[in-house]
């Protein structure tokens, strides 16, 4: 007896009240064997309810699925943000506290230093990771996986550990200080100034950038590079016109994350206790030592708005499936 095609190919649909489905074990086995042979996977019961048609037909299901996410957003973002905004207005300056941030020399200098530090770390991380990431994708050698694991290791380190590692490298009892003391009779110590903070920020920023760069580098079309070279393009032109445009979406998105992370980094700056008064340290000082909650709240909102604007701008540029075209010409 031939097997009807409508029974061989199962059509999974959401359950409808009042419907009755009769399943023949023999035909189910045939359809399962065909699915495995053709590499098809049978959707689960939950996935059938998550289809756009099922969601449109049952708004209640979509509402129930959104409730946990809405609760988390409200509990950990909206309610604390509203509380912080209220604290700004309760200060002696009222809503003029925001103007105080822009007119007070200490707060304004801290904001500028934080922006400059974050921008510098982001640019250096992008340059280093673009070169190293492209090299790791296009070359296979012994120890490659170990090197990649070492470069991504700082993802598991908190900021305090990163700061302690910088101290062990360039602090008063660090490796560099010991070598320079033995060679020149004086210790070279830079863990507690702008150089130490820059190294610490760069160290925990590299993994966030290099993973995105490697993912973009794997998608590059080598035939485009070969075509450009066959048309007489120099290696420099191939890099500028073919490779960089292909890497640009990954560089932009990872650069935004790197910048936002550096803007809000606290543990490394707190451990190093540098001379640079970055914005997270100012917020901590105003809140804990000076009990100046309105100013701390205003600085927190300013810091959050800057990072949010950076991420939103990048999302609008690359988050809707946009890609940078490869420029023509040799």
C-alpha atoms as a PDB file:
ATOM      1  CA  UNK A   1       0.000   0.000   0.000  1.00  0.00           C
ATOM      2  CA  UNK A   2       1.632   3.295  -1.051  1.00  0.00           C
ATOM      3  CA  UNK A   3       2.071   5.929   1.594  1.00  0.00           C
ATOM      4  CA  UNK A   4       0.116   9.142   0.871  1.00  0.00           C
ATOM      5  CA  UNK A   5       2.435  12.111   0.465  1.00  0.00           C
ATOM      6  CA  UNK A   6       0.360  14.221   2.812  1.00  0.00           C
ATOM      7  CA  UNK A   7       1.122  11.715   5.560  1.00  0.00           C
ATOM      8  CA  UNK A   8       4.821  11.367   4.739  1.00  0.00           C
ATOM      9  CA  UNK A   9       5.503  15.089   5.048  1.00  0.00           C
ATOM     10  CA  UNK A  10       4.229  16.184   8.468  1.00  0.00           C
ATOM     11  CA  UNK A  11       2.704  19.610   8.741  1.00  0.00           C
ATOM     12  CA  UNK A  12       3.162  20.864  12.260  1.00  0.00           C
ATOM     13  CA  UNK A  13       0.652  23.499  13.313  1.00  0.00           C
ATOM     14  CA  UNK A  14      -0.416  24.982  16.640  1.00  0.00           C
ATOM     15  CA  UNK A  15      -3.082  23.040  18.469  1.00  0.00           C
ATOM     16  CA  UNK A  16      -6.616  24.199  17.727  1.00  0.00           C
ATOM     17  CA  UNK A  17      -9.338  23.480  20.297  1.00  0.00           C
ATOM     18  CA  UNK A  18     -11.869  21.035  18.976  1.00  0.00           C
ATOM     19  CA  UNK A  19      -9.530  19.478  16.415  1.00  0.00           C
ATOM     20  CA  UNK A  20      -8.544  15.829  16.428  1.00  0.00           C
ATOM     21  CA  UNK A  21      -5.374  14.483  14.820  1.00  0.00           C
ATOM     22  CA  UNK A  22      -5.092  10.758  14.141  1.00  0.00           C
ATOM     23  CA  UNK A  23      -1.460   9.583  13.880  1.00  0.00           C
ATOM     24  CA  UNK A  24      -0.654   6.277  12.231  1.00  0.00           C
ATOM     25  CA  UNK A  25       2.529   4.824  13.823  1.00  0.00           C
ATOM     26  CA  UNK A  26       3.601   3.270  10.525  1.00  0.00           C
ATOM     27  CA  UNK A  27       3.405   6.567   8.659  1.00  0.00           C
ATOM     28  CA  UNK A  28       5.028   8.441  11.520  1.00  0.00           C
ATOM     29  CA  UNK A  29       8.053   6.146  11.301  1.00  0.00           C
ATOM     30  CA  UNK A  30       8.290   6.679   7.528  1.00  0.00           C
ATOM     31  CA  UNK A  31       8.104  10.448   7.881  1.00  0.00           C
ATOM     32  CA  UNK A  32      10.699  10.422  10.668  1.00  0.00           C
ATOM     33  CA  UNK A  33      13.098   8.383   8.538  1.00  0.00           C
ATOM     34  CA  UNK A  34      12.661  10.786   5.616  1.00  0.00           C
ATOM     35  CA  UNK A  35      13.248  13.775   7.859  1.00  0.00           C
ATOM     36  CA  UNK A  36      16.501  12.291   9.158  1.00  0.00           C
ATOM     37  CA  UNK A  37      17.611  11.343   5.658  1.00  0.00           C
ATOM     38  CA  UNK A  38      16.988  14.831   4.280  1.00  0.00           C
ATOM     39  CA  UNK A  39      18.504  16.568   7.301  1.00  0.00           C
ATOM     40  CA  UNK A  40      15.228  18.135   8.448  1.00  0.00           C
ATOM     41  CA  UNK A  41      14.478  18.629  12.110  1.00  0.00           C
ATOM     42  CA  UNK A  42      10.959  18.368  13.421  1.00  0.00           C
ATOM     43  CA  UNK A  43       9.908  21.512  15.301  1.00  0.00           C
ATOM     44  CA  UNK A  44       9.105  21.262  18.954  1.00  0.00           C
ATOM     45  CA  UNK A  45       5.728  22.057  20.425  1.00  0.00           C
ATOM     46  CA  UNK A  46       7.040  25.342  21.860  1.00  0.00           C
ATOM     47  CA  UNK A  47       8.457  26.481  18.516  1.00  0.00           C
ATOM     48  CA  UNK A  48       5.063  25.962  16.893  1.00  0.00           C
ATOM     49  CA  UNK A  49       3.575  28.494  19.295  1.00  0.00           C
ATOM     50  CA  UNK A  50       6.350  31.025  18.567  1.00  0.00           C
ATOM     51  CA  UNK A  51       5.639  31.349  14.855  1.00  0.00           C
ATOM     52  CA  UNK A  52       4.453  34.787  13.661  1.00  0.00           C
ATOM     53  CA  UNK A  53       1.120  33.311  12.568  1.00  0.00           C
ATOM     54  CA  UNK A  54       0.544  31.736  15.968  1.00  0.00           C
ATOM     55  CA  UNK A  55       1.509  34.958  17.765  1.00  0.00           C
ATOM     56  CA  UNK A  56      -0.840  37.003  15.585  1.00  0.00           C
ATOM     57  CA  UNK A  57      -3.659  34.534  16.151  1.00  0.00           C
ATOM     58  CA  UNK A  58      -3.082  34.419  19.917  1.00  0.00           C
ATOM     59  CA  UNK A  59      -2.010  37.806  21.337  1.00  0.00           C
ATOM     60  CA  UNK A  60      -2.409  36.378  24.815  1.00  0.00           C
ATOM     61  CA  UNK A  61       0.479  33.974  24.187  1.00  0.00           C
ATOM     62  CA  UNK A  62       2.736  36.826  23.097  1.00  0.00           C
ATOM     63  CA  UNK A  63       1.753  38.858  26.156  1.00  0.00           C
ATOM     64  CA  UNK A  64       2.545  35.986  28.512  1.00  0.00           C
ATOM     65  CA  UNK A  65       5.943  35.488  26.888  1.00  0.00           C
ATOM     66  CA  UNK A  66       6.779  39.198  27.207  1.00  0.00           C
ATOM     67  CA  UNK A  67       5.876  39.496  30.895  1.00  0.00           C
ATOM     68  CA  UNK A  68       9.196  38.119  32.304  1.00  0.00           C
ATOM     69  CA  UNK A  69      11.223  40.456  30.101  1.00  0.00           C
ATOM     70  CA  UNK A  70       9.089  43.454  31.037  1.00  0.00           C
ATOM     71  CA  UNK A  71       9.419  42.647  34.739  1.00  0.00           C
ATOM     72  CA  UNK A  72      13.217  42.421  34.484  1.00  0.00           C
ATOM     73  CA  UNK A  73      13.456  45.697  32.530  1.00  0.00           C
ATOM     74  CA  UNK A  74      11.219  47.479  35.027  1.00  0.00           C
ATOM     75  CA  UNK A  75      12.955  46.090  38.117  1.00  0.00           C
ATOM     76  CA  UNK A  76      16.556  46.585  37.036  1.00  0.00           C
ATOM     77  CA  UNK A  77      16.336  49.593  34.708  1.00  0.00           C
ATOM     78  CA  UNK A  78      13.185  51.719  34.714  1.00  0.00           C
ATOM     79  CA  UNK A  79      12.550  51.880  38.461  1.00  0.00           C
ATOM     80  CA  UNK A  80      16.203  52.593  39.444  1.00  0.00           C
ATOM     81  CA  UNK A  81      16.481  55.142  36.629  1.00  0.00           C
ATOM     82  CA  UNK A  82      13.343  56.922  37.814  1.00  0.00           C
ATOM     83  CA  UNK A  83      14.672  56.925  41.372  1.00  0.00           C
ATOM     84  CA  UNK A  84      17.995  58.417  40.256  1.00  0.00           C
ATOM     85  CA  UNK A  85      16.186  61.108  38.259  1.00  0.00           C
ATOM     86  CA  UNK A  86      14.094  62.038  41.299  1.00  0.00           C
ATOM     87  CA  UNK A  87      17.222  62.351  43.453  1.00  0.00           C
ATOM     88  CA  UNK A  88      18.655  64.914  41.034  1.00  0.00           C
ATOM     89  CA  UNK A  89      15.625  67.149  41.499  1.00  0.00           C
ATOM     90  CA  UNK A  90      15.723  66.814  45.293  1.00  0.00           C
ATOM     91  CA  UNK A  91      19.146  68.488  45.574  1.00  0.00           C
ATOM     92  CA  UNK A  92      19.714  72.105  46.626  1.00  0.00           C
ATOM     93  CA  UNK A  93      20.342  73.088  43.017  1.00  0.00           C
ATOM     94  CA  UNK A  94      17.277  71.229  41.777  1.00  0.00           C
ATOM     95  CA  UNK A  95      17.406  70.401  38.107  1.00  0.00           C
ATOM     96  CA  UNK A  96      20.211  72.943  37.840  1.00  0.00           C
ATOM     97  CA  UNK A  97      22.521  70.168  39.035  1.00  0.00           C
ATOM     98  CA  UNK A  98      23.034  69.227  35.396  1.00  0.00           C
ATOM     99  CA  UNK A  99      24.249  72.766  34.707  1.00  0.00           C
ATOM    100  CA  UNK A 100      26.536  72.492  37.728  1.00  0.00           C
ATOM    101  CA  UNK A 101      28.260  69.500  36.125  1.00  0.00           C
ATOM    102  CA  UNK A 102      29.095  71.568  33.051  1.00  0.00           C
ATOM    103  CA  UNK A 103      30.271  74.610  35.015  1.00  0.00           C
ATOM    104  CA  UNK A 104      32.168  72.970  37.875  1.00  0.00           C
ATOM    105  CA  UNK A 105      35.821  72.563  36.871  1.00  0.00           C
ATOM    106  CA  UNK A 106      36.290  69.209  38.619  1.00  0.00           C
ATOM    107  CA  UNK A 107      33.226  67.539  37.131  1.00  0.00           C
ATOM    108  CA  UNK A 108      33.822  68.944  33.657  1.00  0.00           C
ATOM    109  CA  UNK A 109      37.479  67.922  33.679  1.00  0.00           C
ATOM    110  CA  UNK A 110      36.539  64.431  34.823  1.00  0.00           C
ATOM    111  CA  UNK A 111      34.011  64.120  32.006  1.00  0.00           C
ATOM    112  CA  UNK A 112      36.530  65.256  29.386  1.00  0.00           C
ATOM    113  CA  UNK A 113      39.247  62.949  30.724  1.00  0.00           C
ATOM    114  CA  UNK A 114      36.885  59.980  30.710  1.00  0.00           C
ATOM    115  CA  UNK A 115      35.795  60.680  27.142  1.00  0.00           C
ATOM    116  CA  UNK A 116      39.391  61.097  25.966  1.00  0.00           C
ATOM    117  CA  UNK A 117      40.570  57.955  27.757  1.00  0.00           C
ATOM    118  CA  UNK A 118      37.702  55.859  26.388  1.00  0.00           C
ATOM    119  CA  UNK A 119      38.195  57.157  22.851  1.00  0.00           C
ATOM    120  CA  UNK A 120      41.948  56.508  22.965  1.00  0.00           C
ATOM    121  CA  UNK A 121      41.508  52.982  24.317  1.00  0.00           C
ATOM    122  CA  UNK A 122      38.879  52.252  21.668  1.00  0.00           C
ATOM    123  CA  UNK A 123      41.068  53.442  18.802  1.00  0.00           C
ATOM    124  CA  UNK A 124      44.096  51.479  20.018  1.00  0.00           C
ATOM    125  CA  UNK A 125      42.018  48.335  20.555  1.00  0.00           C
ATOM    126  CA  UNK A 126      40.535  48.596  17.058  1.00  0.00           C
ATOM    127  CA  UNK A 127      43.952  49.000  15.426  1.00  0.00           C
ATOM    128  CA  UNK A 128      45.567  46.128  17.323  1.00  0.00           C
ATOM    129  CA  UNK A 129      42.630  43.750  17.004  1.00  0.00           C
ATOM    130  CA  UNK A 130      42.132  44.450  13.291  1.00  0.00           C
ATOM    131  CA  UNK A 131      45.711  43.377  12.570  1.00  0.00           C
ATOM    132  CA  UNK A 132      45.865  40.464  15.004  1.00  0.00           C
ATOM    133  CA  UNK A 133      42.348  39.204  14.269  1.00  0.00           C
ATOM    134  CA  UNK A 134      42.895  39.144  10.510  1.00  0.00           C
ATOM    135  CA  UNK A 135      46.212  37.346  10.996  1.00  0.00           C
ATOM    136  CA  UNK A 136      44.664  34.693  13.248  1.00  0.00           C
ATOM    137  CA  UNK A 137      41.819  34.013  10.827  1.00  0.00           C
ATOM    138  CA  UNK A 138      44.043  33.593   7.777  1.00  0.00           C
ATOM    139  CA  UNK A 139      46.884  31.631   9.341  1.00  0.00           C
ATOM    140  CA  UNK A 140      46.978  28.219  10.990  1.00  0.00           C
ATOM    141  CA  UNK A 141      49.955  27.427  13.204  1.00  0.00           C
ATOM    142  CA  UNK A 142      50.866  25.502  16.317  1.00  0.00           C
ATOM    143  CA  UNK A 143      49.560  27.192  19.439  1.00  0.00           C
ATOM    144  CA  UNK A 144      46.961  29.269  17.591  1.00  0.00           C
ATOM    145  CA  UNK A 145      44.092  28.125  19.811  1.00  0.00           C
ATOM    146  CA  UNK A 146      46.178  28.817  22.918  1.00  0.00           C
ATOM    147  CA  UNK A 147      46.933  32.323  21.674  1.00  0.00           C
ATOM    148  CA  UNK A 148      43.248  33.002  20.979  1.00  0.00           C
ATOM    149  CA  UNK A 149      42.339  31.712  24.422  1.00  0.00           C
ATOM    150  CA  UNK A 150      44.961  33.946  26.014  1.00  0.00           C
ATOM    151  CA  UNK A 151      43.698  37.014  24.159  1.00  0.00           C
ATOM    152  CA  UNK A 152      40.114  36.357  25.252  1.00  0.00           C
ATOM    153  CA  UNK A 153      41.025  35.434  28.834  1.00  0.00           C
ATOM    154  CA  UNK A 154      40.400  38.949  30.256  1.00  0.00           C
ATOM    155  CA  UNK A 155      36.668  38.424  29.632  1.00  0.00           C
ATOM    156  CA  UNK A 156      36.621  36.332  32.807  1.00  0.00           C
ATOM    157  CA  UNK A 157      38.542  38.860  34.906  1.00  0.00           C
ATOM    158  CA  UNK A 158      36.853  41.541  37.012  1.00  0.00           C
ATOM    159  CA  UNK A 159      38.258  45.051  36.923  1.00  0.00           C
ATOM    160  CA  UNK A 160      39.996  44.689  40.273  1.00  0.00           C
ATOM    161  CA  UNK A 161      41.996  41.703  39.004  1.00  0.00           C
ATOM    162  CA  UNK A 162      42.996  43.631  35.880  1.00  0.00           C
ATOM    163  CA  UNK A 163      44.150  46.536  38.030  1.00  0.00           C
ATOM    164  CA  UNK A 164      46.157  44.211  40.254  1.00  0.00           C
ATOM    165  CA  UNK A 165      47.851  42.692  37.188  1.00  0.00           C
ATOM    166  CA  UNK A 166      48.830  46.182  36.012  1.00  0.00           C
ATOM    167  CA  UNK A 167      50.351  46.842  39.443  1.00  0.00           C
ATOM    168  CA  UNK A 168      52.311  43.582  39.239  1.00  0.00           C
ATOM    169  CA  UNK A 169      53.578  44.671  35.834  1.00  0.00           C
ATOM    170  CA  UNK A 170      54.368  48.348  36.305  1.00  0.00           C
ATOM    171  CA  UNK A 171      53.874  49.061  40.002  1.00  0.00           C
ATOM    172  CA  UNK A 172      56.454  49.780  42.674  1.00  0.00           C
ATOM    173  CA  UNK A 173      57.068  46.055  43.122  1.00  0.00           C
ATOM    174  CA  UNK A 174      56.328  45.193  39.502  1.00  0.00           C
ATOM    175  CA  UNK A 175      58.364  43.347  36.917  1.00  0.00           C
ATOM    176  CA  UNK A 176      59.271  46.436  34.897  1.00  0.00           C
ATOM    177  CA  UNK A 177      60.348  48.311  38.017  1.00  0.00           C
ATOM    178  CA  UNK A 178      62.617  45.445  39.063  1.00  0.00           C
ATOM    179  CA  UNK A 179      64.247  45.208  35.639  1.00  0.00           C
ATOM    180  CA  UNK A 180      64.871  48.943  35.340  1.00  0.00           C
ATOM    181  CA  UNK A 181      66.205  49.081  38.897  1.00  0.00           C
ATOM    182  CA  UNK A 182      68.699  46.326  38.136  1.00  0.00           C
ATOM    183  CA  UNK A 183      69.724  47.870  34.823  1.00  0.00           C
ATOM    184  CA  UNK A 184      69.704  51.616  35.541  1.00  0.00           C
ATOM    185  CA  UNK A 185      69.495  51.923  39.320  1.00  0.00           C
ATOM    186  CA  UNK A 186      66.009  53.473  39.353  1.00  0.00           C
ATOM    187  CA  UNK A 187      62.542  51.982  39.124  1.00  0.00           C
ATOM    188  CA  UNK A 188      60.224  52.811  36.261  1.00  0.00           C
ATOM    189  CA  UNK A 189      56.740  52.975  37.772  1.00  0.00           C
ATOM    190  CA  UNK A 190      53.726  54.002  35.701  1.00  0.00           C
ATOM    191  CA  UNK A 191      50.913  51.823  37.026  1.00  0.00           C
ATOM    192  CA  UNK A 192      49.358  54.705  38.938  1.00  0.00           C
ATOM    193  CA  UNK A 193      49.243  57.360  36.222  1.00  0.00           C
ATOM    194  CA  UNK A 194      47.498  57.700  32.873  1.00  0.00           C
ATOM    195  CA  UNK A 195      49.706  55.045  31.234  1.00  0.00           C
ATOM    196  CA  UNK A 196      48.773  52.387  33.787  1.00  0.00           C
ATOM    197  CA  UNK A 197      45.074  53.134  33.509  1.00  0.00           C
ATOM    198  CA  UNK A 198      45.316  53.091  29.718  1.00  0.00           C
ATOM    199  CA  UNK A 199      47.001  49.665  29.759  1.00  0.00           C
ATOM    200  CA  UNK A 200      44.389  48.293  32.142  1.00  0.00           C
ATOM    201  CA  UNK A 201      41.492  49.544  30.037  1.00  0.00           C
ATOM    202  CA  UNK A 202      43.122  48.263  26.859  1.00  0.00           C
ATOM    203  CA  UNK A 203      43.731  44.834  28.385  1.00  0.00           C
ATOM    204  CA  UNK A 204      40.077  44.135  29.157  1.00  0.00           C
ATOM    205  CA  UNK A 205      38.900  45.789  25.922  1.00  0.00           C
ATOM    206  CA  UNK A 206      40.888  43.587  23.532  1.00  0.00           C
ATOM    207  CA  UNK A 207      38.707  40.446  23.900  1.00  0.00           C
ATOM    208  CA  UNK A 208      35.516  42.378  23.172  1.00  0.00           C
ATOM    209  CA  UNK A 209      36.960  43.671  19.916  1.00  0.00           C
ATOM    210  CA  UNK A 210      39.022  40.781  18.623  1.00  0.00           C
ATOM    211  CA  UNK A 211      36.151  38.288  18.699  1.00  0.00           C
ATOM    212  CA  UNK A 212      33.992  40.578  16.557  1.00  0.00           C
ATOM    213  CA  UNK A 213      36.877  41.293  14.186  1.00  0.00           C
ATOM    214  CA  UNK A 214      37.601  37.595  13.717  1.00  0.00           C
ATOM    215  CA  UNK A 215      33.933  36.913  12.996  1.00  0.00           C
ATOM    216  CA  UNK A 216      33.935  39.634  10.327  1.00  0.00           C
ATOM    217  CA  UNK A 217      37.258  38.468   8.882  1.00  0.00           C
ATOM    218  CA  UNK A 218      35.914  34.948   8.368  1.00  0.00           C
ATOM    219  CA  UNK A 219      33.187  36.366   6.110  1.00  0.00           C
ATOM    220  CA  UNK A 220      35.571  38.226   3.806  1.00  0.00           C
ATOM    221  CA  UNK A 221      35.536  37.051   0.200  1.00  0.00           C
ATOM    222  CA  UNK A 222      39.076  36.243  -0.897  1.00  0.00           C
ATOM    223  CA  UNK A 223      37.983  36.313  -4.530  1.00  0.00           C
ATOM    224  CA  UNK A 224      37.371  40.055  -4.255  1.00  0.00           C
ATOM    225  CA  UNK A 225      40.946  40.579  -3.096  1.00  0.00           C
ATOM    226  CA  UNK A 226      42.288  38.401  -5.900  1.00  0.00           C
ATOM    227  CA  UNK A 227      40.182  40.290  -8.428  1.00  0.00           C
ATOM    228  CA  UNK A 228      41.457  43.642  -7.161  1.00  0.00           C
ATOM    229  CA  UNK A 229      45.061  42.464  -7.341  1.00  0.00           C
ATOM    230  CA  UNK A 230      44.554  41.078 -10.848  1.00  0.00           C
ATOM    231  CA  UNK A 231      43.288  44.517 -11.907  1.00  0.00           C
ATOM    232  CA  UNK A 232      46.512  46.105 -10.716  1.00  0.00           C
ATOM    233  CA  UNK A 233      45.578  47.241  -7.219  1.00  0.00           C
ATOM    234  CA  UNK A 234      48.445  47.485  -4.773  1.00  0.00           C
ATOM    235  CA  UNK A 235      48.332  45.714  -1.429  1.00  0.00           C
ATOM    236  CA  UNK A 236      47.590  49.012   0.276  1.00  0.00           C
ATOM    237  CA  UNK A 237      44.617  49.666  -2.030  1.00  0.00           C
ATOM    238  CA  UNK A 238      43.301  46.152  -1.437  1.00  0.00           C
ATOM    239  CA  UNK A 239      43.398  46.759   2.304  1.00  0.00           C
ATOM    240  CA  UNK A 240      41.690  50.156   2.031  1.00  0.00           C
ATOM    241  CA  UNK A 241      39.095  49.265  -0.627  1.00  0.00           C
ATOM    242  CA  UNK A 242      38.303  45.607   0.087  1.00  0.00           C
ATOM    243  CA  UNK A 243      39.430  44.399   3.512  1.00  0.00           C
ATOM    244  CA  UNK A 244      38.586  47.414   5.680  1.00  0.00           C
ATOM    245  CA  UNK A 245      35.043  47.881   4.273  1.00  0.00           C
ATOM    246  CA  UNK A 246      34.409  44.203   4.964  1.00  0.00           C
ATOM    247  CA  UNK A 247      35.658  44.525   8.530  1.00  0.00           C
ATOM    248  CA  UNK A 248      33.975  47.870   9.163  1.00  0.00           C
ATOM    249  CA  UNK A 249      30.616  46.602  10.548  1.00  0.00           C
ATOM    250  CA  UNK A 250      32.425  44.459  13.109  1.00  0.00           C
ATOM    251  CA  UNK A 251      34.855  47.249  13.941  1.00  0.00           C
ATOM    252  CA  UNK A 252      32.072  49.777  14.464  1.00  0.00           C
ATOM    253  CA  UNK A 253      29.896  47.545  16.632  1.00  0.00           C
ATOM    254  CA  UNK A 254      32.779  46.263  18.760  1.00  0.00           C
ATOM    255  CA  UNK A 255      34.233  49.770  18.998  1.00  0.00           C
ATOM    256  CA  UNK A 256      30.963  51.076  20.412  1.00  0.00           C
ATOM    257  CA  UNK A 257      30.877  48.312  23.011  1.00  0.00           C
ATOM    258  CA  UNK A 258      34.522  48.967  23.860  1.00  0.00           C
ATOM    259  CA  UNK A 259      33.875  52.706  24.267  1.00  0.00           C
ATOM    260  CA  UNK A 260      30.802  52.167  26.439  1.00  0.00           C
ATOM    261  CA  UNK A 261      32.643  49.647  28.622  1.00  0.00           C
ATOM    262  CA  UNK A 262      35.612  51.967  29.088  1.00  0.00           C
ATOM    263  CA  UNK A 263      33.311  54.863  29.991  1.00  0.00           C
ATOM    264  CA  UNK A 264      31.752  52.901  32.835  1.00  0.00           C
ATOM    265  CA  UNK A 265      34.786  50.903  34.014  1.00  0.00           C
ATOM    266  CA  UNK A 266      35.217  51.258  37.766  1.00  0.00           C
ATOM    267  CA  UNK A 267      37.122  48.308  39.225  1.00  0.00           C
ATOM    268  CA  UNK A 268      40.394  48.953  37.397  1.00  0.00           C
ATOM    269  CA  UNK A 269      40.435  52.676  38.201  1.00  0.00           C
ATOM    270  CA  UNK A 270      39.515  51.965  41.820  1.00  0.00           C
ATOM    271  CA  UNK A 271      42.323  49.417  42.214  1.00  0.00           C
ATOM    272  CA  UNK A 272      44.980  51.595  40.616  1.00  0.00           C
ATOM    273  CA  UNK A 273      43.858  54.771  42.455  1.00  0.00           C
ATOM    274  CA  UNK A 274      45.358  56.844  39.678  1.00  0.00           C
ATOM    275  CA  UNK A 275      45.748  60.587  39.528  1.00  0.00           C
ATOM    276  CA  UNK A 276      43.128  60.692  36.768  1.00  0.00           C
ATOM    277  CA  UNK A 277      39.671  61.328  38.176  1.00  0.00           C
ATOM    278  CA  UNK A 278      37.529  59.319  35.775  1.00  0.00           C
ATOM    279  CA  UNK A 279      33.776  59.757  35.938  1.00  0.00           C
ATOM    280  CA  UNK A 280      32.927  56.450  37.696  1.00  0.00           C
ATOM    281  CA  UNK A 281      35.408  57.327  40.458  1.00  0.00           C
ATOM    282  CA  UNK A 282      33.854  60.784  40.853  1.00  0.00           C
ATOM    283  CA  UNK A 283      30.405  59.214  41.169  1.00  0.00           C
ATOM    284  CA  UNK A 284      31.714  56.811  43.812  1.00  0.00           C
ATOM    285  CA  UNK A 285      33.432  59.593  45.749  1.00  0.00           C
ATOM    286  CA  UNK A 286      30.436  61.918  45.695  1.00  0.00           C
ATOM    287  CA  UNK A 287      28.103  59.136  46.812  1.00  0.00           C
ATOM    288  CA  UNK A 288      30.193  57.477  49.542  1.00  0.00           C
ATOM    289  CA  UNK A 289      32.531  60.116  50.944  1.00  0.00           C
ATOM    290  CA  UNK A 290      30.679  63.369  50.378  1.00  0.00           C
ATOM    291  CA  UNK A 291      27.111  62.003  50.538  1.00  0.00           C
ATOM    292  CA  UNK A 292      26.334  64.310  47.614  1.00  0.00           C
ATOM    293  CA  UNK A 293      23.633  62.080  46.197  1.00  0.00           C
ATOM    294  CA  UNK A 294      22.079  64.618  43.760  1.00  0.00           C
ATOM    295  CA  UNK A 295      25.413  65.251  42.021  1.00  0.00           C
ATOM    296  CA  UNK A 296      26.218  61.539  41.940  1.00  0.00           C
ATOM    297  CA  UNK A 297      22.797  60.863  40.433  1.00  0.00           C
ATOM    298  CA  UNK A 298      23.234  63.590  37.810  1.00  0.00           C
ATOM    299  CA  UNK A 299      26.670  62.285  36.855  1.00  0.00           C
ATOM    300  CA  UNK A 300      25.245  58.772  36.586  1.00  0.00           C
ATOM    301  CA  UNK A 301      22.522  59.927  34.206  1.00  0.00           C
ATOM    302  CA  UNK A 302      25.016  61.870  32.088  1.00  0.00           C
ATOM    303  CA  UNK A 303      27.294  58.831  31.906  1.00  0.00           C
ATOM    304  CA  UNK A 304      24.376  56.584  31.000  1.00  0.00           C
ATOM    305  CA  UNK A 305      23.111  58.955  28.314  1.00  0.00           C
ATOM    306  CA  UNK A 306      26.536  59.152  26.672  1.00  0.00           C
ATOM    307  CA  UNK A 307      26.969  55.390  26.493  1.00  0.00           C
ATOM    308  CA  UNK A 308      23.357  54.859  25.414  1.00  0.00           C
ATOM    309  CA  UNK A 309      23.684  57.437  22.642  1.00  0.00           C
ATOM    310  CA  UNK A 310      26.859  55.754  21.406  1.00  0.00           C
ATOM    311  CA  UNK A 311      25.263  52.309  21.289  1.00  0.00           C
ATOM    312  CA  UNK A 312      22.040  53.642  19.755  1.00  0.00           C
ATOM    313  CA  UNK A 313      23.945  55.432  17.001  1.00  0.00           C
ATOM    314  CA  UNK A 314      25.854  52.283  16.120  1.00  0.00           C
ATOM    315  CA  UNK A 315      22.689  50.190  16.198  1.00  0.00           C
ATOM    316  CA  UNK A 316      20.964  52.578  13.804  1.00  0.00           C
ATOM    317  CA  UNK A 317      23.968  52.320  11.502  1.00  0.00           C
ATOM    318  CA  UNK A 318      24.538  48.560  11.542  1.00  0.00           C
ATOM    319  CA  UNK A 319      21.566  47.022  13.322  1.00  0.00           C
ATOM    320  CA  UNK A 320      19.083  46.985  10.454  1.00  0.00           C
ATOM    321  CA  UNK A 321      21.016  44.688   8.171  1.00  0.00           C
ATOM    322  CA  UNK A 322      23.037  47.474   6.621  1.00  0.00           C
ATOM    323  CA  UNK A 323      26.495  46.711   5.344  1.00  0.00           C
ATOM    324  CA  UNK A 324      29.242  48.824   3.929  1.00  0.00           C
ATOM    325  CA  UNK A 325      29.734  48.312   0.206  1.00  0.00           C
ATOM    326  CA  UNK A 326      33.138  47.518  -1.199  1.00  0.00           C
ATOM    327  CA  UNK A 327      34.452  50.556  -2.987  1.00  0.00           C
ATOM    328  CA  UNK A 328      35.400  50.220  -6.597  1.00  0.00           C
ATOM    329  CA  UNK A 329      38.574  51.353  -8.261  1.00  0.00           C
ATOM    330  CA  UNK A 330      42.119  50.226  -7.995  1.00  0.00           C
END
